[in-house]
């Protein structure tokens, strides 16, 4: 009898199993990879990039006959309306879990509260992630979703989709994701530096020019205002003011010769110095300098001093360019907020404390000077 009861229970379980009736088939979904957003004439312009995963994670050359992506455009008075219109034009369900990057147009950043509306919409989608990368541009948005990486690799390997890969070799501008953007806008000094991206045509193939994405600076944005850009040389100091930097570069003169140094192991510390209601900031930066190319004999001490002077100049000049735009680009207000909130409360105005060119004192120390050789002498000697 006991044996029959066991058989009965096993048979009953077959009818109680739910199976996979409500599962989604991978082939019956479209995968969102990148989004561009701008705001013009009272309408949100919504660009959606859908990608094919047929060429992703392939060890051999990708199939050039397979279309890697398609880009759609819709408009709406709200972000959700624009998304709804886009969904009406596709054949399958759109999966938002693979959204990798967002590109904001300049006109959107200039509109008060529109950036907040965008963040509210995307953060409420159940599959979107706070690790989504953020960029800003003043160029046409569509081109950022049609270009493929160099050598026609998978479109998911572009600089926009994977900025950390190239950041190891050049830490000029620190990548920004949704999580950091929200934190920086919500906390003093309420300023975020969004990487500024452009499309450049500086590579060539046998078929003609090839385009690449260039991170050339930052867009300065507050919750209520777009402050402009710091681009190229004006943004040089930023790479030395974050402990996330891996590799920086400095070009300077020693004597009459030009040197380019690779800067590694960068560390920075900001210390508020309070005297009554007067606040200044001591900025201490330490780093190692690597040199591999030079055309004069030079001492290690001369190299260290030249690098220290160049880094100090870059940090100071970027700080001054920020002040011209009424921006605390190094988030000095936040440093005071963290370490002496009582003084910060007395001085702050909308989260920012008053700053002048004399508010910072930059001290740079080169810990080590390294070379590919044991001496700093020319490889080739001049004939007698």
Protein backbone atom coordinates (compact mmCIF):
# COMPACT_ATOMS: atom_id res chain seq x y z
CA UNK A 1 0.00 0.00 0.00
CA UNK A 2 2.83 2.34 0.89
CA UNK A 3 4.43 1.71 -2.48
CA UNK A 4 1.21 2.66 -4.34
CA UNK A 5 0.93 5.85 -2.31
CA UNK A 6 4.44 6.91 -3.37
CA UNK A 7 3.58 6.25 -7.02
CA UNK A 8 0.39 8.29 -6.66
CA UNK A 9 2.27 11.28 -5.18
CA UNK A 10 4.88 11.19 -7.94
CA UNK A 11 2.16 11.11 -10.58
CA UNK A 12 0.32 14.00 -8.93
CA UNK A 13 3.51 16.11 -8.97
CA UNK A 14 3.62 15.85 -12.75
CA UNK A 15 0.35 17.78 -12.95
CA UNK A 16 1.43 20.34 -10.35
CA UNK A 17 4.69 21.33 -12.06
CA UNK A 18 4.40 24.75 -13.69
CA UNK A 19 7.10 24.21 -16.29
CA UNK A 20 8.40 27.15 -18.38
CA UNK A 21 5.15 28.40 -19.83
CA UNK A 22 5.81 32.04 -18.94
CA UNK A 23 9.51 32.16 -19.91
CA UNK A 24 10.83 34.55 -22.57
CA UNK A 25 12.57 33.17 -25.65
CA UNK A 26 15.90 34.91 -26.29
CA UNK A 27 15.29 34.94 -30.01
CA UNK A 28 11.95 36.68 -29.52
CA UNK A 29 13.39 39.79 -27.83
CA UNK A 30 15.25 42.89 -29.04
CA UNK A 31 18.18 44.09 -26.96
CA UNK A 32 18.64 47.77 -26.15
CA UNK A 33 22.31 48.76 -26.07
CA UNK A 34 22.56 52.55 -26.27
CA UNK A 35 20.22 55.54 -25.92
CA UNK A 36 20.57 59.16 -27.00
CA UNK A 37 18.37 61.92 -25.60
CA UNK A 38 17.94 65.56 -26.52
CA UNK A 39 15.24 68.20 -26.06
CA UNK A 40 14.12 70.61 -28.76
CA UNK A 41 10.97 72.64 -29.40
CA UNK A 42 9.17 71.20 -26.39
CA UNK A 43 9.85 67.60 -27.40
CA UNK A 44 12.20 64.88 -26.20
CA UNK A 45 14.18 63.31 -29.05
CA UNK A 46 14.78 59.68 -28.21
CA UNK A 47 17.37 57.60 -30.11
CA UNK A 48 17.35 53.86 -29.43
CA UNK A 49 20.14 51.50 -30.55
CA UNK A 50 19.23 47.84 -30.84
CA UNK A 51 22.10 45.36 -31.28
CA UNK A 52 22.46 41.89 -32.65
CA UNK A 53 24.48 39.50 -30.49
CA UNK A 54 25.44 37.32 -33.45
CA UNK A 55 28.96 38.82 -33.46
CA UNK A 56 29.49 39.15 -29.72
CA UNK A 57 32.14 36.99 -27.98
CA UNK A 58 33.47 35.59 -31.26
CA UNK A 59 37.14 34.66 -31.33
CA UNK A 60 37.33 34.74 -35.13
CA UNK A 61 36.67 37.62 -37.52
CA UNK A 62 33.08 38.80 -37.24
CA UNK A 63 30.60 38.23 -40.04
CA UNK A 64 30.40 41.53 -41.90
CA UNK A 65 27.16 40.43 -43.61
CA UNK A 66 25.32 40.43 -40.29
CA UNK A 67 23.81 43.80 -39.40
CA UNK A 68 25.21 44.71 -36.00
CA UNK A 69 22.74 47.39 -34.99
CA UNK A 70 19.79 49.54 -35.95
CA UNK A 71 18.90 52.99 -34.63
CA UNK A 72 15.38 54.30 -34.21
CA UNK A 73 14.13 57.82 -33.46
CA UNK A 74 10.93 58.92 -31.77
CA UNK A 75 9.74 62.11 -30.10
CA UNK A 76 7.41 62.87 -27.24
CA UNK A 77 6.42 65.51 -24.73
CA UNK A 78 7.78 63.19 -22.03
CA UNK A 79 10.49 60.53 -22.06
CA UNK A 80 7.94 57.79 -21.44
CA UNK A 81 5.80 58.97 -24.36
CA UNK A 82 8.83 58.84 -26.67
CA UNK A 83 9.66 55.32 -25.44
CA UNK A 84 6.05 54.20 -25.93
CA UNK A 85 6.07 55.46 -29.51
CA UNK A 86 9.31 53.57 -30.16
CA UNK A 87 7.88 50.34 -28.78
CA UNK A 88 4.97 50.59 -31.22
CA UNK A 89 7.39 50.43 -34.17
CA UNK A 90 9.27 47.23 -33.23
CA UNK A 91 8.41 43.60 -33.89
CA UNK A 92 9.37 42.01 -30.59
CA UNK A 93 9.61 42.82 -26.90
CA UNK A 94 12.47 45.20 -26.01
CA UNK A 95 14.76 44.10 -23.18
CA UNK A 96 16.24 47.02 -21.21
CA UNK A 97 18.68 44.94 -19.13
CA UNK A 98 21.53 45.32 -21.63
CA UNK A 99 21.37 49.13 -21.78
CA UNK A 100 25.04 50.10 -21.59
CA UNK A 101 25.30 53.86 -22.19
CA UNK A 102 23.34 57.09 -22.43
CA UNK A 103 24.35 60.12 -24.50
CA UNK A 104 22.79 63.47 -23.58
CA UNK A 105 22.53 66.31 -26.08
CA UNK A 106 23.49 69.83 -25.05
CA UNK A 107 19.98 71.23 -25.44
CA UNK A 108 18.65 68.68 -22.95
CA UNK A 109 21.31 69.66 -20.39
CA UNK A 110 20.38 73.32 -20.78
CA UNK A 111 16.74 72.71 -19.85
CA UNK A 112 16.06 72.99 -16.12
CA UNK A 113 14.78 69.74 -14.57
CA UNK A 114 14.80 67.82 -17.88
CA UNK A 115 17.86 65.78 -16.88
CA UNK A 116 16.08 64.87 -13.65
CA UNK A 117 13.04 63.78 -15.64
CA UNK A 118 15.21 61.50 -17.77
CA UNK A 119 16.89 59.93 -14.73
CA UNK A 120 13.53 59.41 -13.05
CA UNK A 121 12.20 57.57 -16.09
CA UNK A 122 15.16 55.25 -16.60
CA UNK A 123 15.75 54.45 -12.94
CA UNK A 124 12.16 53.22 -12.63
CA UNK A 125 12.53 50.57 -15.33
CA UNK A 126 13.01 47.28 -13.49
CA UNK A 127 15.83 46.02 -15.75
CA UNK A 128 17.97 49.17 -16.06
CA UNK A 129 21.19 49.39 -14.06
CA UNK A 130 22.95 52.18 -12.19
CA UNK A 131 26.23 51.12 -13.87
CA UNK A 132 25.05 52.51 -17.22
CA UNK A 133 27.70 54.88 -18.63
CA UNK A 134 26.86 58.56 -19.18
CA UNK A 135 28.15 60.97 -21.87
CA UNK A 136 27.37 64.46 -23.14
CA UNK A 137 27.85 66.02 -26.56
CA UNK A 138 26.92 69.00 -28.71
CA UNK A 139 27.08 66.99 -31.94
CA UNK A 140 24.26 65.12 -33.76
CA UNK A 141 23.29 62.11 -31.65
CA UNK A 142 22.52 59.57 -34.37
CA UNK A 143 26.17 59.16 -35.42
CA UNK A 144 27.11 57.78 -31.98
CA UNK A 145 24.97 54.71 -32.60
CA UNK A 146 25.96 53.88 -36.16
CA UNK A 147 29.75 53.72 -35.85
CA UNK A 148 31.58 50.45 -35.25
CA UNK A 149 34.91 50.00 -33.40
CA UNK A 150 38.24 50.00 -35.21
CA UNK A 151 38.90 46.88 -37.30
CA UNK A 152 35.14 46.29 -37.47
CA UNK A 153 34.95 44.49 -34.15
CA UNK A 154 31.66 43.82 -32.38
CA UNK A 155 29.72 47.03 -31.80
CA UNK A 156 29.45 46.21 -28.10
CA UNK A 157 33.22 46.90 -27.80
CA UNK A 158 33.12 50.64 -28.58
CA UNK A 159 34.68 53.15 -26.21
CA UNK A 160 31.19 54.30 -25.20
CA UNK A 161 30.18 50.80 -24.15
CA UNK A 162 33.46 49.91 -22.43
CA UNK A 163 35.36 53.05 -21.35
CA UNK A 164 37.36 51.30 -18.62
CA UNK A 165 39.36 49.31 -21.16
CA UNK A 166 41.08 52.35 -22.70
CA UNK A 167 41.04 54.23 -19.35
CA UNK A 168 43.85 51.96 -18.14
CA UNK A 169 46.19 53.43 -20.76
CA UNK A 170 44.91 57.00 -20.69
CA UNK A 171 43.07 58.29 -17.60
CA UNK A 172 42.42 61.76 -19.02
CA UNK A 173 38.72 61.83 -18.10
CA UNK A 174 37.21 59.57 -15.44
CA UNK A 175 34.20 57.58 -16.73
CA UNK A 176 30.83 58.49 -15.24
CA UNK A 177 27.89 56.15 -14.61
CA UNK A 178 24.31 56.79 -13.49
CA UNK A 179 25.11 55.96 -9.87
CA UNK A 180 27.91 58.53 -9.62
CA UNK A 181 25.91 61.12 -11.52
CA UNK A 182 22.99 60.90 -9.08
CA UNK A 183 25.30 61.04 -6.04
CA UNK A 184 27.21 64.10 -7.33
CA UNK A 185 24.02 65.98 -8.19
CA UNK A 186 22.37 65.21 -4.86
CA UNK A 187 25.33 66.00 -2.58
CA UNK A 188 27.43 69.16 -2.20
CA UNK A 189 28.71 70.73 -4.37
CA UNK A 190 25.86 69.51 -6.62
CA UNK A 191 28.08 69.56 -9.73
CA UNK A 192 28.78 66.64 -12.03
CA UNK A 193 31.47 66.37 -14.70
CA UNK A 194 30.00 64.30 -17.53
CA UNK A 195 32.54 63.05 -20.10
CA UNK A 196 32.24 65.09 -23.30
CA UNK A 197 32.39 62.91 -26.42
CA UNK A 198 32.87 63.66 -30.12
CA UNK A 199 33.12 61.64 -33.30
CA UNK A 200 36.42 62.16 -35.12
CA UNK A 201 37.63 61.01 -38.53
CA UNK A 202 41.30 60.48 -37.82
CA UNK A 203 41.76 56.88 -39.01
CA UNK A 204 41.91 55.55 -42.57
CA UNK A 205 41.38 52.20 -44.26
CA UNK A 206 41.65 50.99 -47.85
CA UNK A 207 37.90 51.64 -48.09
CA UNK A 208 38.19 55.22 -46.87
CA UNK A 209 38.12 57.16 -43.55
CA UNK A 210 37.16 55.39 -40.34
CA UNK A 211 35.58 57.17 -37.40
CA UNK A 212 36.27 56.85 -33.69
CA UNK A 213 34.88 58.25 -30.46
CA UNK A 214 37.02 60.79 -28.58
CA UNK A 215 36.56 61.81 -24.96
CA UNK A 216 37.84 65.39 -25.12
CA UNK A 217 36.79 66.89 -21.81
CA UNK A 218 33.78 67.26 -19.53
CA UNK A 219 30.38 68.93 -19.51
CA UNK A 220 29.71 70.79 -16.25
CA UNK A 221 26.15 70.24 -15.07
CA UNK A 222 24.18 71.12 -11.92
CA UNK A 223 20.59 70.06 -11.12
CA UNK A 224 19.36 73.40 -12.47
CA UNK A 225 21.97 74.66 -14.90
CA UNK A 226 24.39 73.71 -17.67
CA UNK A 227 27.70 75.49 -17.01
CA UNK A 228 29.53 74.70 -20.25
CA UNK A 229 32.55 72.55 -21.07
CA UNK A 230 36.15 72.07 -20.06
CA UNK A 231 37.84 70.68 -23.16
CA UNK A 232 41.36 69.46 -24.05
CA UNK A 233 44.11 71.42 -22.26
CA UNK A 234 41.58 73.17 -20.01
CA UNK A 235 40.69 69.77 -18.51
CA UNK A 236 44.25 68.44 -18.07
CA UNK A 237 44.25 68.88 -14.30
CA UNK A 238 41.29 66.56 -13.78
CA UNK A 239 43.34 63.40 -14.33
CA UNK A 240 45.52 64.23 -11.31
CA UNK A 241 42.62 65.02 -8.99
CA UNK A 242 41.06 61.57 -8.72
CA UNK A 243 42.42 58.47 -7.06
CA UNK A 244 40.80 56.44 -9.84
CA UNK A 245 43.46 57.54 -12.35
CA UNK A 246 45.69 54.76 -13.63
CA UNK A 247 47.82 56.41 -16.32
CA UNK A 248 48.35 60.11 -17.03
CA UNK A 249 50.68 62.05 -19.32
CA UNK A 250 52.69 65.23 -18.98
CA UNK A 251 54.74 66.95 -21.68
CA UNK A 252 57.19 69.61 -20.57
CA UNK A 253 60.58 71.12 -21.28
CA UNK A 254 63.83 70.43 -19.47
CA UNK A 255 66.38 72.85 -20.81
CA UNK A 256 65.61 73.17 -24.51
CA UNK A 257 64.32 69.62 -24.93
CA UNK A 258 60.73 68.36 -24.85
CA UNK A 259 59.90 65.36 -22.66
CA UNK A 260 56.71 63.34 -22.32
CA UNK A 261 56.29 61.51 -19.03
CA UNK A 262 53.89 58.71 -18.15
CA UNK A 263 52.41 59.32 -14.69
CA UNK A 264 51.52 56.29 -12.56
CA UNK A 265 50.41 55.53 -8.99
CA UNK A 266 48.67 58.88 -8.60
CA UNK A 267 47.22 59.73 -5.20
CA UNK A 268 45.63 62.97 -4.11
CA UNK A 269 44.48 64.27 -0.75
CA UNK A 270 42.44 67.42 -0.08
CA UNK A 271 42.69 68.98 3.39
CA UNK A 272 40.53 71.99 4.34
CA UNK A 273 42.41 74.53 6.48
CA UNK A 274 39.97 76.64 8.49
CA UNK A 275 40.87 79.94 10.12
CA UNK A 276 37.72 81.60 11.43
CA UNK A 277 35.50 81.98 8.39
CA UNK A 278 38.43 81.78 5.99
CA UNK A 279 38.91 78.38 4.33
CA UNK A 280 41.74 77.25 2.11
CA UNK A 281 42.49 73.82 0.73
CA UNK A 282 45.78 71.99 0.82
CA UNK A 283 45.99 69.66 -2.19
CA UNK A 284 48.72 67.03 -1.93
CA UNK A 285 49.46 64.89 -4.98
CA UNK A 286 51.98 62.07 -5.19
CA UNK A 287 52.91 60.06 -8.28
CA UNK A 288 55.60 58.11 -10.09
CA UNK A 289 57.06 59.35 -13.39
CA UNK A 290 58.13 57.07 -16.21
CA UNK A 291 60.29 58.35 -19.05
CA UNK A 292 61.35 56.42 -22.11
CA UNK A 293 62.19 59.03 -24.73
CA UNK A 294 64.61 61.94 -24.34
CA UNK A 295 67.32 63.59 -26.40
CA UNK A 296 69.59 65.09 -23.74
CA UNK A 297 71.36 63.67 -20.73
CA UNK A 298 69.29 64.58 -17.68
CA UNK A 299 69.37 63.86 -13.97
CA UNK A 300 66.63 62.14 -11.99
CA UNK A 301 66.24 65.20 -9.78
CA UNK A 302 65.68 67.44 -12.82
CA UNK A 303 62.99 65.08 -14.09
CA UNK A 304 61.20 65.01 -10.73
CA UNK A 305 61.16 68.81 -10.45
CA UNK A 306 59.92 69.27 -14.02
CA UNK A 307 57.08 66.78 -13.55
CA UNK A 308 56.05 68.30 -10.22
CA UNK A 309 55.93 71.75 -11.75
CA UNK A 310 53.90 70.56 -14.76
CA UNK A 311 51.32 68.70 -12.69
CA UNK A 312 50.94 71.68 -10.32
CA UNK A 313 50.40 73.97 -13.32
CA UNK A 314 47.81 71.65 -14.90
CA UNK A 315 45.84 71.32 -11.66
CA UNK A 316 45.90 75.07 -11.03
CA UNK A 317 44.94 76.05 -14.58
CA UNK A 318 41.97 73.67 -14.66
CA UNK A 319 40.82 75.01 -11.29
CA UNK A 320 40.96 78.59 -12.65
CA UNK A 321 39.05 77.61 -15.79
CA UNK A 322 36.37 76.17 -13.53
CA UNK A 323 36.15 79.37 -11.52
CA UNK A 324 35.60 81.31 -14.75
CA UNK A 325 32.45 79.22 -15.20
CA UNK A 326 31.51 79.63 -11.53
CA UNK A 327 32.24 75.95 -10.92
CA UNK A 328 33.98 74.10 -8.10
CA UNK A 329 35.47 71.48 -10.45
CA UNK A 330 37.43 69.65 -7.73
CA UNK A 331 34.42 69.43 -5.37
CA UNK A 332 36.29 71.32 -2.64
CA UNK A 333 32.95 72.23 -1.06
CA UNK A 334 32.29 68.53 -0.54
CA UNK A 335 35.67 68.12 1.21
CA UNK A 336 34.73 70.82 3.72
CA UNK A 337 31.22 69.33 4.07
CA UNK A 338 32.72 65.93 4.97
CA UNK A 339 35.37 67.19 7.37
CA UNK A 340 33.90 70.32 8.97
CA UNK A 341 30.16 70.53 8.40
CA UNK A 342 29.68 73.36 10.92
CA UNK A 343 31.89 75.73 8.95
CA UNK A 344 30.37 74.51 5.69
CA UNK A 345 26.88 75.43 6.93
CA UNK A 346 28.04 78.96 7.72
CA UNK A 347 29.59 79.51 4.29
CA UNK A 348 27.56 77.49 1.80
CA UNK A 349 25.14 78.87 -0.71
CA UNK A 350 23.13 76.11 -2.42
CA UNK A 351 25.78 73.63 -1.36
CA UNK A 352 28.78 75.58 -2.65
CA UNK A 353 31.20 77.68 -0.61
CA UNK A 354 32.88 80.84 -1.98
CA UNK A 355 36.18 80.13 -3.75
CA UNK A 356 38.92 82.30 -5.20
CA UNK A 357 42.14 81.63 -7.10
CA UNK A 358 43.98 81.75 -3.77
CA UNK A 359 41.75 79.10 -2.15
CA UNK A 360 44.06 76.23 -3.11
CA UNK A 361 47.67 75.38 -2.40
CA UNK A 362 48.91 72.56 -4.63
CA UNK A 363 51.90 70.47 -3.54
CA UNK A 364 53.14 67.72 -5.89
CA UNK A 365 55.69 65.06 -4.97
CA UNK A 366 57.24 62.64 -7.46
CA UNK A 367 58.00 59.56 -5.40
CA UNK A 368 59.93 57.63 -8.03
CA UNK A 369 61.42 58.29 -11.46
CA UNK A 370 61.56 55.18 -13.59
CA UNK A 371 63.11 54.44 -16.94
CA UNK A 372 63.43 51.53 -19.29
CA UNK A 373 67.16 51.77 -18.61
CA UNK A 374 69.25 52.29 -15.51
CA UNK A 375 70.73 55.63 -16.67
CA UNK A 376 69.21 58.68 -18.32
CA UNK A 377 71.54 59.03 -21.30
CA UNK A 378 71.07 59.08 -25.04
CA UNK A 379 71.12 55.79 -26.92
CA UNK A 380 73.02 57.36 -29.80
CA UNK A 381 76.15 59.42 -29.24
CA UNK A 382 77.17 62.39 -31.35
CA UNK A 383 80.37 61.73 -33.32
CA UNK A 384 83.47 63.62 -32.21
